[in-house]
């Protein structure tokens, strides 16, 4: 008798028949109980027992519990084909939009708008991410508008980043940090001006970087030319670019947990405003709205952009 696969002995959902239940089915069936009688003893539906005896029977017609359990385990481990694999029209449409640098979220929304009465043409954004990250996928090819990236995603990433449980993460900096959850307003509230969100935009081959600040209410953008990618350079650039902003228009700054913010306590003291940090790895929504266009613009103009003026939205 072949050894049981690891999937056969691991704990599975109670929706599925266990090995012990299959042994009991075999014993009760041999004792002459009817399907309804077996179902009543197991606390299962008669259709469940009937389907089990029919689908997992041995080649000779008899029911052998260990053989049946291996059969069910192998069937459960089979890879289910994705909708993108079974629907060529949908796959072609998604591939076309990815080549135009659409994000999976945009594609998911557009599919529902373009095919309102056709659920077979709908996809959630996670399904698109999984299809792109699948080994050997045909979707993983450079987009015409960004041939330098192997992946059609805006991030250029061709695999998922490793994630760690929140309780196991260590604080990013030694000094106490203010979380985005500590802000005195919910993320969707943009009624009060003076709250800024920012991050770095990295240049080609990571040879340069500029900082970006977006005001949440007015959508005003300020870019920071950085001499280096460190906390001292960011501190100096923020002091220079934000020195003319009235205190009423500089109430807080929210930033990613990048190493350039290692001196966040000194930066907060210089600006006279608290520094809040996004939950890693969740960037700020306002920054995400503007960064792709700015990133494409800066890469198209030069490998080391020189920024010194305020950009209006």
C-alpha atoms as a PDB file:
ATOM      1  CA  UNK A   1       0.000   0.000   0.000  1.00  0.00           C
ATOM      2  CA  UNK A   2       1.369   3.412  -1.004  1.00  0.00           C
ATOM      3  CA  UNK A   3       2.226   5.928   1.686  1.00  0.00           C
ATOM      4  CA  UNK A   4      -0.334   8.646   2.309  1.00  0.00           C
ATOM      5  CA  UNK A   5       0.522  12.036   0.870  1.00  0.00           C
ATOM      6  CA  UNK A   6       1.063  14.828   3.383  1.00  0.00           C
ATOM      7  CA  UNK A   7      -2.251  16.338   2.250  1.00  0.00           C
ATOM      8  CA  UNK A   8      -3.989  13.127   3.283  1.00  0.00           C
ATOM      9  CA  UNK A   9      -2.985  13.366   6.928  1.00  0.00           C
ATOM     10  CA  UNK A  10      -3.106  17.103   7.565  1.00  0.00           C
ATOM     11  CA  UNK A  11      -6.090  18.691   9.260  1.00  0.00           C
ATOM     12  CA  UNK A  12      -8.748  19.686   6.744  1.00  0.00           C
ATOM     13  CA  UNK A  13     -12.107  21.396   6.910  1.00  0.00           C
ATOM     14  CA  UNK A  14     -14.955  19.474   8.514  1.00  0.00           C
ATOM     15  CA  UNK A  15     -16.844  19.920   5.248  1.00  0.00           C
ATOM     16  CA  UNK A  16     -14.805  17.009   3.893  1.00  0.00           C
ATOM     17  CA  UNK A  17     -15.080  13.419   5.051  1.00  0.00           C
ATOM     18  CA  UNK A  18     -12.228  12.400   7.315  1.00  0.00           C
ATOM     19  CA  UNK A  19     -10.300   9.138   7.118  1.00  0.00           C
ATOM     20  CA  UNK A  20     -12.064   7.894  10.264  1.00  0.00           C
ATOM     21  CA  UNK A  21     -15.467   8.595   8.694  1.00  0.00           C
ATOM     22  CA  UNK A  22     -14.494   6.655   5.586  1.00  0.00           C
ATOM     23  CA  UNK A  23     -13.420   3.699   7.712  1.00  0.00           C
ATOM     24  CA  UNK A  24     -16.799   3.838   9.464  1.00  0.00           C
ATOM     25  CA  UNK A  25     -18.604   4.020   6.127  1.00  0.00           C
ATOM     26  CA  UNK A  26     -16.801   0.864   4.981  1.00  0.00           C
ATOM     27  CA  UNK A  27     -17.646  -0.976   8.223  1.00  0.00           C
ATOM     28  CA  UNK A  28     -21.308   0.044   8.194  1.00  0.00           C
ATOM     29  CA  UNK A  29     -21.662  -0.731   4.512  1.00  0.00           C
ATOM     30  CA  UNK A  30     -20.201  -4.196   5.080  1.00  0.00           C
ATOM     31  CA  UNK A  31     -22.626  -4.661   7.982  1.00  0.00           C
ATOM     32  CA  UNK A  32     -25.497  -4.096   5.564  1.00  0.00           C
ATOM     33  CA  UNK A  33     -26.704  -0.628   6.563  1.00  0.00           C
ATOM     34  CA  UNK A  34     -28.432   1.484   3.946  1.00  0.00           C
ATOM     35  CA  UNK A  35     -27.055   4.766   2.701  1.00  0.00           C
ATOM     36  CA  UNK A  36     -29.595   6.663   4.800  1.00  0.00           C
ATOM     37  CA  UNK A  37     -28.699   4.586   7.841  1.00  0.00           C
ATOM     38  CA  UNK A  38     -24.980   5.296   7.381  1.00  0.00           C
ATOM     39  CA  UNK A  39     -25.685   9.001   6.884  1.00  0.00           C
ATOM     40  CA  UNK A  40     -27.715   9.117  10.089  1.00  0.00           C
ATOM     41  CA  UNK A  41     -24.922   7.426  12.063  1.00  0.00           C
ATOM     42  CA  UNK A  42     -22.323   9.872  10.692  1.00  0.00           C
ATOM     43  CA  UNK A  43     -24.492  12.977  10.938  1.00  0.00           C
ATOM     44  CA  UNK A  44     -24.034  13.584   7.224  1.00  0.00           C
ATOM     45  CA  UNK A  45     -26.462  14.063   4.350  1.00  0.00           C
ATOM     46  CA  UNK A  46     -27.427  10.872   2.478  1.00  0.00           C
ATOM     47  CA  UNK A  47     -26.231  12.496  -0.749  1.00  0.00           C
ATOM     48  CA  UNK A  48     -22.741  12.879   0.790  1.00  0.00           C
ATOM     49  CA  UNK A  49     -22.512   9.160   1.563  1.00  0.00           C
ATOM     50  CA  UNK A  50     -23.956   8.185  -1.809  1.00  0.00           C
ATOM     51  CA  UNK A  51     -21.485  10.402  -3.661  1.00  0.00           C
ATOM     52  CA  UNK A  52     -18.592   9.052  -1.593  1.00  0.00           C
ATOM     53  CA  UNK A  53     -19.438   5.426  -2.418  1.00  0.00           C
ATOM     54  CA  UNK A  54     -19.842   6.263  -6.081  1.00  0.00           C
ATOM     55  CA  UNK A  55     -16.833   8.520  -6.695  1.00  0.00           C
ATOM     56  CA  UNK A  56     -14.170   6.841  -4.571  1.00  0.00           C
ATOM     57  CA  UNK A  57     -14.987   3.173  -5.131  1.00  0.00           C
ATOM     58  CA  UNK A  58     -12.164   0.778  -6.002  1.00  0.00           C
ATOM     59  CA  UNK A  59     -11.730  -0.454  -9.570  1.00  0.00           C
ATOM     60  CA  UNK A  60     -13.408  -3.755  -8.623  1.00  0.00           C
ATOM     61  CA  UNK A  61     -16.500  -1.944  -7.337  1.00  0.00           C
ATOM     62  CA  UNK A  62     -15.792  -2.426  -3.631  1.00  0.00           C
ATOM     63  CA  UNK A  63     -15.284   0.448  -1.197  1.00  0.00           C
ATOM     64  CA  UNK A  64     -11.867   0.567   0.464  1.00  0.00           C
ATOM     65  CA  UNK A  65     -11.514   3.460   2.947  1.00  0.00           C
ATOM     66  CA  UNK A  66      -7.775   4.078   2.598  1.00  0.00           C
ATOM     67  CA  UNK A  67      -7.935   3.964  -1.205  1.00  0.00           C
ATOM     68  CA  UNK A  68     -10.966   6.267  -1.085  1.00  0.00           C
ATOM     69  CA  UNK A  69      -9.150   8.722   1.165  1.00  0.00           C
ATOM     70  CA  UNK A  70      -6.160   8.862  -1.204  1.00  0.00           C
ATOM     71  CA  UNK A  71      -8.474   9.402  -4.156  1.00  0.00           C
ATOM     72  CA  UNK A  72     -10.268  12.277  -2.416  1.00  0.00           C
ATOM     73  CA  UNK A  73      -6.982  13.830  -1.317  1.00  0.00           C
ATOM     74  CA  UNK A  74      -5.530  13.726  -4.824  1.00  0.00           C
ATOM     75  CA  UNK A  75      -8.703  15.295  -6.223  1.00  0.00           C
ATOM     76  CA  UNK A  76      -8.620  18.041  -3.592  1.00  0.00           C
ATOM     77  CA  UNK A  77      -4.993  18.843  -4.432  1.00  0.00           C
ATOM     78  CA  UNK A  78      -5.695  19.253  -8.154  1.00  0.00           C
ATOM     79  CA  UNK A  79      -5.050  22.751  -9.444  1.00  0.00           C
ATOM     80  CA  UNK A  80      -8.229  24.583 -10.359  1.00  0.00           C
ATOM     81  CA  UNK A  81      -8.013  26.470 -13.627  1.00  0.00           C
ATOM     82  CA  UNK A  82      -8.395  30.209 -13.388  1.00  0.00           C
ATOM     83  CA  UNK A  83     -11.002  32.128 -15.314  1.00  0.00           C
ATOM     84  CA  UNK A  84      -8.208  33.773 -17.275  1.00  0.00           C
ATOM     85  CA  UNK A  85      -7.073  30.307 -18.402  1.00  0.00           C
ATOM     86  CA  UNK A  86     -10.506  29.211 -19.590  1.00  0.00           C
ATOM     87  CA  UNK A  87     -11.677  32.481 -21.164  1.00  0.00           C
ATOM     88  CA  UNK A  88      -9.390  33.557 -24.061  1.00  0.00           C
ATOM     89  CA  UNK A  89     -11.346  36.764 -24.709  1.00  0.00           C
ATOM     90  CA  UNK A  90     -10.998  37.840 -21.081  1.00  0.00           C
ATOM     91  CA  UNK A  91      -7.302  36.984 -21.025  1.00  0.00           C
ATOM     92  CA  UNK A  92      -6.655  38.973 -24.205  1.00  0.00           C
ATOM     93  CA  UNK A  93      -8.508  41.986 -22.807  1.00  0.00           C
ATOM     94  CA  UNK A  94      -6.592  41.895 -19.505  1.00  0.00           C
ATOM     95  CA  UNK A  95      -3.270  41.487 -21.326  1.00  0.00           C
ATOM     96  CA  UNK A  96      -4.065  44.498 -23.529  1.00  0.00           C
ATOM     97  CA  UNK A  97      -4.866  46.732 -20.559  1.00  0.00           C
ATOM     98  CA  UNK A  98      -1.797  45.549 -18.672  1.00  0.00           C
ATOM     99  CA  UNK A  99       0.319  46.495 -21.685  1.00  0.00           C
ATOM    100  CA  UNK A 100      -1.122  50.010 -21.358  1.00  0.00           C
ATOM    101  CA  UNK A 101       0.072  50.101 -17.715  1.00  0.00           C
ATOM    102  CA  UNK A 102      -3.380  49.794 -16.189  1.00  0.00           C
ATOM    103  CA  UNK A 103      -3.339  48.594 -12.600  1.00  0.00           C
ATOM    104  CA  UNK A 104      -5.208  45.380 -11.653  1.00  0.00           C
ATOM    105  CA  UNK A 105      -7.639  47.500  -9.612  1.00  0.00           C
ATOM    106  CA  UNK A 106      -8.442  49.644 -12.661  1.00  0.00           C
ATOM    107  CA  UNK A 107      -8.900  46.562 -14.834  1.00  0.00           C
ATOM    108  CA  UNK A 108     -11.224  44.952 -12.308  1.00  0.00           C
ATOM    109  CA  UNK A 109     -13.442  48.045 -12.191  1.00  0.00           C
ATOM    110  CA  UNK A 110     -13.435  48.504 -15.967  1.00  0.00           C
ATOM    111  CA  UNK A 111     -14.457  44.894 -16.601  1.00  0.00           C
ATOM    112  CA  UNK A 112     -17.592  45.378 -14.521  1.00  0.00           C
ATOM    113  CA  UNK A 113     -18.388  48.653 -16.270  1.00  0.00           C
ATOM    114  CA  UNK A 114     -17.790  47.264 -19.751  1.00  0.00           C
ATOM    115  CA  UNK A 115     -19.602  43.949 -19.129  1.00  0.00           C
ATOM    116  CA  UNK A 116     -22.327  44.751 -16.565  1.00  0.00           C
ATOM    117  CA  UNK A 117     -24.442  41.671 -17.286  1.00  0.00           C
ATOM    118  CA  UNK A 118     -21.654  39.162 -17.845  1.00  0.00           C
ATOM    119  CA  UNK A 119     -20.158  37.837 -14.580  1.00  0.00           C
ATOM    120  CA  UNK A 120     -17.986  35.476 -16.639  1.00  0.00           C
ATOM    121  CA  UNK A 121     -16.041  38.566 -17.763  1.00  0.00           C
ATOM    122  CA  UNK A 122     -15.458  39.872 -14.224  1.00  0.00           C
ATOM    123  CA  UNK A 123     -12.299  39.489 -12.187  1.00  0.00           C
ATOM    124  CA  UNK A 124     -11.173  40.754  -8.827  1.00  0.00           C
ATOM    125  CA  UNK A 125      -7.783  42.469  -8.751  1.00  0.00           C
ATOM    126  CA  UNK A 126      -6.251  39.634  -6.710  1.00  0.00           C
ATOM    127  CA  UNK A 127      -6.982  37.166  -9.530  1.00  0.00           C
ATOM    128  CA  UNK A 128      -5.016  39.382 -11.908  1.00  0.00           C
ATOM    129  CA  UNK A 129      -2.095  39.643  -9.499  1.00  0.00           C
ATOM    130  CA  UNK A 130      -2.027  35.857  -9.095  1.00  0.00           C
ATOM    131  CA  UNK A 131      -2.064  35.359 -12.862  1.00  0.00           C
ATOM    132  CA  UNK A 132       0.835  37.810 -13.320  1.00  0.00           C
ATOM    133  CA  UNK A 133       2.903  36.240 -10.533  1.00  0.00           C
ATOM    134  CA  UNK A 134       2.247  32.653 -11.670  1.00  0.00           C
ATOM    135  CA  UNK A 135       5.475  30.963 -12.881  1.00  0.00           C
ATOM    136  CA  UNK A 136       5.562  30.678 -16.651  1.00  0.00           C
ATOM    137  CA  UNK A 137       2.661  33.062 -17.212  1.00  0.00           C
ATOM    138  CA  UNK A 138       2.343  34.687 -20.645  1.00  0.00           C
ATOM    139  CA  UNK A 139       1.210  37.925 -18.965  1.00  0.00           C
ATOM    140  CA  UNK A 140       4.738  38.492 -17.654  1.00  0.00           C
ATOM    141  CA  UNK A 141       6.147  40.467 -20.549  1.00  0.00           C
ATOM    142  CA  UNK A 142       7.384  44.060 -20.909  1.00  0.00           C
ATOM    143  CA  UNK A 143       4.760  46.683 -21.637  1.00  0.00           C
ATOM    144  CA  UNK A 144       5.380  48.790 -24.785  1.00  0.00           C
ATOM    145  CA  UNK A 145       5.239  51.986 -22.717  1.00  0.00           C
ATOM    146  CA  UNK A 146       7.776  50.650 -20.184  1.00  0.00           C
ATOM    147  CA  UNK A 147      10.066  48.157 -21.972  1.00  0.00           C
ATOM    148  CA  UNK A 148      12.682  48.419 -19.213  1.00  0.00           C
ATOM    149  CA  UNK A 149      10.403  46.404 -16.897  1.00  0.00           C
ATOM    150  CA  UNK A 150       9.877  42.686 -17.351  1.00  0.00           C
ATOM    151  CA  UNK A 151       6.582  42.870 -15.492  1.00  0.00           C
ATOM    152  CA  UNK A 152       3.499  44.679 -16.871  1.00  0.00           C
ATOM    153  CA  UNK A 153       2.705  45.975 -13.369  1.00  0.00           C
ATOM    154  CA  UNK A 154       3.494  49.602 -12.574  1.00  0.00           C
ATOM    155  CA  UNK A 155       5.795  48.500  -9.783  1.00  0.00           C
ATOM    156  CA  UNK A 156       7.809  46.377 -12.215  1.00  0.00           C
ATOM    157  CA  UNK A 157       7.587  43.528  -9.710  1.00  0.00           C
ATOM    158  CA  UNK A 158       7.378  39.975 -11.078  1.00  0.00           C
ATOM    159  CA  UNK A 159       6.903  38.204  -7.737  1.00  0.00           C
ATOM    160  CA  UNK A 160       5.245  38.844  -4.415  1.00  0.00           C
ATOM    161  CA  UNK A 161       7.162  40.357  -1.577  1.00  0.00           C
ATOM    162  CA  UNK A 162       7.460  38.254   1.542  1.00  0.00           C
ATOM    163  CA  UNK A 163       5.083  39.296   4.291  1.00  0.00           C
ATOM    164  CA  UNK A 164       5.557  38.932   8.000  1.00  0.00           C
ATOM    165  CA  UNK A 165       2.956  38.817  10.740  1.00  0.00           C
ATOM    166  CA  UNK A 166       2.359  42.201  12.331  1.00  0.00           C
ATOM    167  CA  UNK A 167       3.161  41.014  15.839  1.00  0.00           C
ATOM    168  CA  UNK A 168       6.602  39.798  14.708  1.00  0.00           C
ATOM    169  CA  UNK A 169       7.684  43.055  13.089  1.00  0.00           C
ATOM    170  CA  UNK A 170      10.222  45.194  14.868  1.00  0.00           C
ATOM    171  CA  UNK A 171       9.883  48.984  15.029  1.00  0.00           C
ATOM    172  CA  UNK A 172      11.450  50.665  12.025  1.00  0.00           C
ATOM    173  CA  UNK A 173      13.272  53.335  14.037  1.00  0.00           C
ATOM    174  CA  UNK A 174      14.679  53.590  17.536  1.00  0.00           C
ATOM    175  CA  UNK A 175      12.712  56.737  18.346  1.00  0.00           C
ATOM    176  CA  UNK A 176       8.964  56.352  19.057  1.00  0.00           C
ATOM    177  CA  UNK A 177       6.891  56.598  15.887  1.00  0.00           C
ATOM    178  CA  UNK A 178       3.412  58.001  15.348  1.00  0.00           C
ATOM    179  CA  UNK A 179       1.266  55.646  13.288  1.00  0.00           C
ATOM    180  CA  UNK A 180      -1.169  56.793  10.630  1.00  0.00           C
ATOM    181  CA  UNK A 181      -3.815  55.387  12.964  1.00  0.00           C
ATOM    182  CA  UNK A 182      -2.898  58.162  15.424  1.00  0.00           C
ATOM    183  CA  UNK A 183      -3.914  60.944  13.053  1.00  0.00           C
ATOM    184  CA  UNK A 184      -6.841  62.969  14.460  1.00  0.00           C
ATOM    185  CA  UNK A 185      -8.973  62.321  11.365  1.00  0.00           C
ATOM    186  CA  UNK A 186     -10.026  59.261   9.342  1.00  0.00           C
ATOM    187  CA  UNK A 187      -8.320  58.580   5.973  1.00  0.00           C
ATOM    188  CA  UNK A 188     -11.371  59.637   3.959  1.00  0.00           C
ATOM    189  CA  UNK A 189     -11.626  63.055   5.687  1.00  0.00           C
ATOM    190  CA  UNK A 190     -10.011  65.770   3.552  1.00  0.00           C
ATOM    191  CA  UNK A 191     -11.915  68.737   4.939  1.00  0.00           C
ATOM    192  CA  UNK A 192      -8.993  70.382   6.752  1.00  0.00           C
ATOM    193  CA  UNK A 193      -6.075  71.777   4.758  1.00  0.00           C
ATOM    194  CA  UNK A 194      -2.501  71.505   5.968  1.00  0.00           C
ATOM    195  CA  UNK A 195      -2.065  67.734   6.123  1.00  0.00           C
ATOM    196  CA  UNK A 196       0.609  66.470   3.716  1.00  0.00           C
ATOM    197  CA  UNK A 197       1.548  62.984   2.536  1.00  0.00           C
ATOM    198  CA  UNK A 198       4.910  62.181   0.998  1.00  0.00           C
ATOM    199  CA  UNK A 199       7.456  59.655  -0.171  1.00  0.00           C
ATOM    200  CA  UNK A 200      10.516  59.260  -2.387  1.00  0.00           C
ATOM    201  CA  UNK A 201      10.515  58.700  -6.135  1.00  0.00           C
ATOM    202  CA  UNK A 202      13.594  56.710  -7.097  1.00  0.00           C
ATOM    203  CA  UNK A 203      15.294  57.433 -10.432  1.00  0.00           C
ATOM    204  CA  UNK A 204      16.723  55.073 -13.000  1.00  0.00           C
ATOM    205  CA  UNK A 205      19.096  52.430 -11.604  1.00  0.00           C
ATOM    206  CA  UNK A 206      18.494  54.039  -8.182  1.00  0.00           C
ATOM    207  CA  UNK A 207      21.031  56.692  -9.146  1.00  0.00           C
ATOM    208  CA  UNK A 208      18.851  59.576  -8.004  1.00  0.00           C
ATOM    209  CA  UNK A 209      15.797  60.387  -5.940  1.00  0.00           C
ATOM    210  CA  UNK A 210      13.332  63.191  -5.433  1.00  0.00           C
ATOM    211  CA  UNK A 211      10.911  63.672  -2.571  1.00  0.00           C
ATOM    212  CA  UNK A 212       7.237  64.346  -3.139  1.00  0.00           C
ATOM    213  CA  UNK A 213       4.728  65.985  -0.821  1.00  0.00           C
ATOM    214  CA  UNK A 214       1.007  66.155  -1.644  1.00  0.00           C
ATOM    215  CA  UNK A 215      -1.433  68.283   0.324  1.00  0.00           C
ATOM    216  CA  UNK A 216      -4.509  66.147   0.994  1.00  0.00           C
ATOM    217  CA  UNK A 217      -7.166  68.836   0.483  1.00  0.00           C
ATOM    218  CA  UNK A 218      -5.834  71.117  -2.276  1.00  0.00           C
ATOM    219  CA  UNK A 219      -3.751  68.372  -3.996  1.00  0.00           C
ATOM    220  CA  UNK A 220      -0.888  70.849  -4.176  1.00  0.00           C
ATOM    221  CA  UNK A 221       2.394  69.042  -4.918  1.00  0.00           C
ATOM    222  CA  UNK A 222       5.867  70.008  -3.770  1.00  0.00           C
ATOM    223  CA  UNK A 223       8.916  68.169  -5.054  1.00  0.00           C
ATOM    224  CA  UNK A 224      12.204  68.000  -3.162  1.00  0.00           C
ATOM    225  CA  UNK A 225      15.565  67.735  -4.870  1.00  0.00           C
ATOM    226  CA  UNK A 226      17.752  65.469  -2.772  1.00  0.00           C
ATOM    227  CA  UNK A 227      21.534  65.479  -2.899  1.00  0.00           C
ATOM    228  CA  UNK A 228      21.556  61.992  -1.378  1.00  0.00           C
ATOM    229  CA  UNK A 229      19.143  59.311  -0.215  1.00  0.00           C
ATOM    230  CA  UNK A 230      19.603  59.744   3.518  1.00  0.00           C
ATOM    231  CA  UNK A 231      17.877  61.409   6.431  1.00  0.00           C
ATOM    232  CA  UNK A 232      20.196  64.425   6.503  1.00  0.00           C
ATOM    233  CA  UNK A 233      19.475  65.275   2.856  1.00  0.00           C
ATOM    234  CA  UNK A 234      15.734  64.869   3.370  1.00  0.00           C
ATOM    235  CA  UNK A 235      15.845  66.994   6.523  1.00  0.00           C
ATOM    236  CA  UNK A 236      17.603  69.809   4.680  1.00  0.00           C
ATOM    237  CA  UNK A 237      15.295  69.589   1.647  1.00  0.00           C
ATOM    238  CA  UNK A 238      12.129  69.649   3.752  1.00  0.00           C
ATOM    239  CA  UNK A 239      13.387  72.628   5.733  1.00  0.00           C
ATOM    240  CA  UNK A 240      14.178  74.541   2.527  1.00  0.00           C
ATOM    241  CA  UNK A 241      10.995  73.726   0.581  1.00  0.00           C
ATOM    242  CA  UNK A 242       8.489  74.019   3.434  1.00  0.00           C
ATOM    243  CA  UNK A 243       9.890  77.091   5.189  1.00  0.00           C
ATOM    244  CA  UNK A 244       7.493  79.408   3.343  1.00  0.00           C
ATOM    245  CA  UNK A 245       4.368  77.416   4.268  1.00  0.00           C
ATOM    246  CA  UNK A 246       2.263  79.063   7.014  1.00  0.00           C
ATOM    247  CA  UNK A 247       1.763  77.022  10.165  1.00  0.00           C
ATOM    248  CA  UNK A 248      -1.965  76.854   9.424  1.00  0.00           C
ATOM    249  CA  UNK A 249      -1.109  75.059   6.180  1.00  0.00           C
ATOM    250  CA  UNK A 250       1.407  72.669   7.742  1.00  0.00           C
ATOM    251  CA  UNK A 251      -0.434  70.677  10.369  1.00  0.00           C
ATOM    252  CA  UNK A 252       1.094  67.233   9.792  1.00  0.00           C
ATOM    253  CA  UNK A 253       3.189  65.112   7.416  1.00  0.00           C
ATOM    254  CA  UNK A 254       2.549  61.423   6.698  1.00  0.00           C
ATOM    255  CA  UNK A 255       5.416  59.410   5.209  1.00  0.00           C
ATOM    256  CA  UNK A 256       6.382  55.846   4.342  1.00  0.00           C
ATOM    257  CA  UNK A 257       8.658  53.941   6.696  1.00  0.00           C
ATOM    258  CA  UNK A 258      11.756  54.524   4.565  1.00  0.00           C
ATOM    259  CA  UNK A 259      15.205  54.905   6.065  1.00  0.00           C
ATOM    260  CA  UNK A 260      15.277  58.492   4.828  1.00  0.00           C
ATOM    261  CA  UNK A 261      12.982  59.302   7.761  1.00  0.00           C
ATOM    262  CA  UNK A 262      15.415  58.009  10.410  1.00  0.00           C
ATOM    263  CA  UNK A 263      15.654  61.563  11.838  1.00  0.00           C
ATOM    264  CA  UNK A 264      11.907  62.038  11.966  1.00  0.00           C
ATOM    265  CA  UNK A 265      11.982  63.571  15.444  1.00  0.00           C
ATOM    266  CA  UNK A 266      14.395  66.301  14.279  1.00  0.00           C
ATOM    267  CA  UNK A 267      12.334  66.847  11.112  1.00  0.00           C
ATOM    268  CA  UNK A 268       9.149  67.193  13.158  1.00  0.00           C
ATOM    269  CA  UNK A 269      10.841  69.767  15.389  1.00  0.00           C
ATOM    270  CA  UNK A 270      12.090  71.732  12.358  1.00  0.00           C
ATOM    271  CA  UNK A 271       8.706  71.762  10.607  1.00  0.00           C
ATOM    272  CA  UNK A 272       6.714  72.305  13.784  1.00  0.00           C
ATOM    273  CA  UNK A 273       4.344  69.520  12.748  1.00  0.00           C
ATOM    274  CA  UNK A 274       4.028  65.851  13.747  1.00  0.00           C
ATOM    275  CA  UNK A 275       5.278  63.104  11.440  1.00  0.00           C
ATOM    276  CA  UNK A 276       2.975  60.108  10.985  1.00  0.00           C
ATOM    277  CA  UNK A 277       4.015  56.844   9.343  1.00  0.00           C
ATOM    278  CA  UNK A 278       2.008  54.617   7.017  1.00  0.00           C
ATOM    279  CA  UNK A 279       1.455  51.017   7.973  1.00  0.00           C
ATOM    280  CA  UNK A 280       4.121  48.983   6.231  1.00  0.00           C
ATOM    281  CA  UNK A 281       3.784  48.016   3.429  1.00  0.00           C
ATOM    282  CA  UNK A 282       0.704  50.201   2.801  1.00  0.00           C
ATOM    283  CA  UNK A 283       1.614  53.488   1.097  1.00  0.00           C
ATOM    284  CA  UNK A 284      -0.486  56.606   1.415  1.00  0.00           C
ATOM    285  CA  UNK A 285      -3.484  56.771  -0.907  1.00  0.00           C
ATOM    286  CA  UNK A 286      -2.977  60.428  -1.912  1.00  0.00           C
ATOM    287  CA  UNK A 287       0.612  59.790  -2.916  1.00  0.00           C
ATOM    288  CA  UNK A 288      -0.396  56.742  -4.951  1.00  0.00           C
ATOM    289  CA  UNK A 289      -2.758  58.861  -7.035  1.00  0.00           C
ATOM    290  CA  UNK A 290       0.061  61.134  -8.212  1.00  0.00           C
ATOM    291  CA  UNK A 291       3.238  59.106  -8.139  1.00  0.00           C
ATOM    292  CA  UNK A 292       2.889  56.981 -11.321  1.00  0.00           C
ATOM    293  CA  UNK A 293       2.551  60.026 -13.578  1.00  0.00           C
ATOM    294  CA  UNK A 294       5.363  61.896 -11.815  1.00  0.00           C
ATOM    295  CA  UNK A 295       7.586  58.828 -11.921  1.00  0.00           C
ATOM    296  CA  UNK A 296       7.085  58.440 -15.680  1.00  0.00           C
ATOM    297  CA  UNK A 297       7.688  62.166 -16.182  1.00  0.00           C
ATOM    298  CA  UNK A 298      10.925  62.281 -14.223  1.00  0.00           C
ATOM    299  CA  UNK A 299      12.302  59.186 -15.921  1.00  0.00           C
ATOM    300  CA  UNK A 300      11.449  60.612 -19.332  1.00  0.00           C
ATOM    301  CA  UNK A 301      13.073  63.972 -18.739  1.00  0.00           C
ATOM    302  CA  UNK A 302      16.364  62.931 -17.140  1.00  0.00           C
ATOM    303  CA  UNK A 303      18.015  60.348 -14.979  1.00  0.00           C
ATOM    304  CA  UNK A 304      18.640  62.949 -12.298  1.00  0.00           C
ATOM    305  CA  UNK A 305      15.788  65.438 -12.246  1.00  0.00           C
ATOM    306  CA  UNK A 306      16.371  68.932 -10.962  1.00  0.00           C
ATOM    307  CA  UNK A 307      13.346  70.206  -9.128  1.00  0.00           C
ATOM    308  CA  UNK A 308      13.027  73.591  -7.571  1.00  0.00           C
ATOM    309  CA  UNK A 309       9.519  74.866  -8.148  1.00  0.00           C
ATOM    310  CA  UNK A 310       6.098  74.060  -6.809  1.00  0.00           C
ATOM    311  CA  UNK A 311       4.003  71.860  -9.096  1.00  0.00           C
ATOM    312  CA  UNK A 312       0.281  72.495  -9.283  1.00  0.00           C
ATOM    313  CA  UNK A 313      -2.171  69.694  -9.895  1.00  0.00           C
END
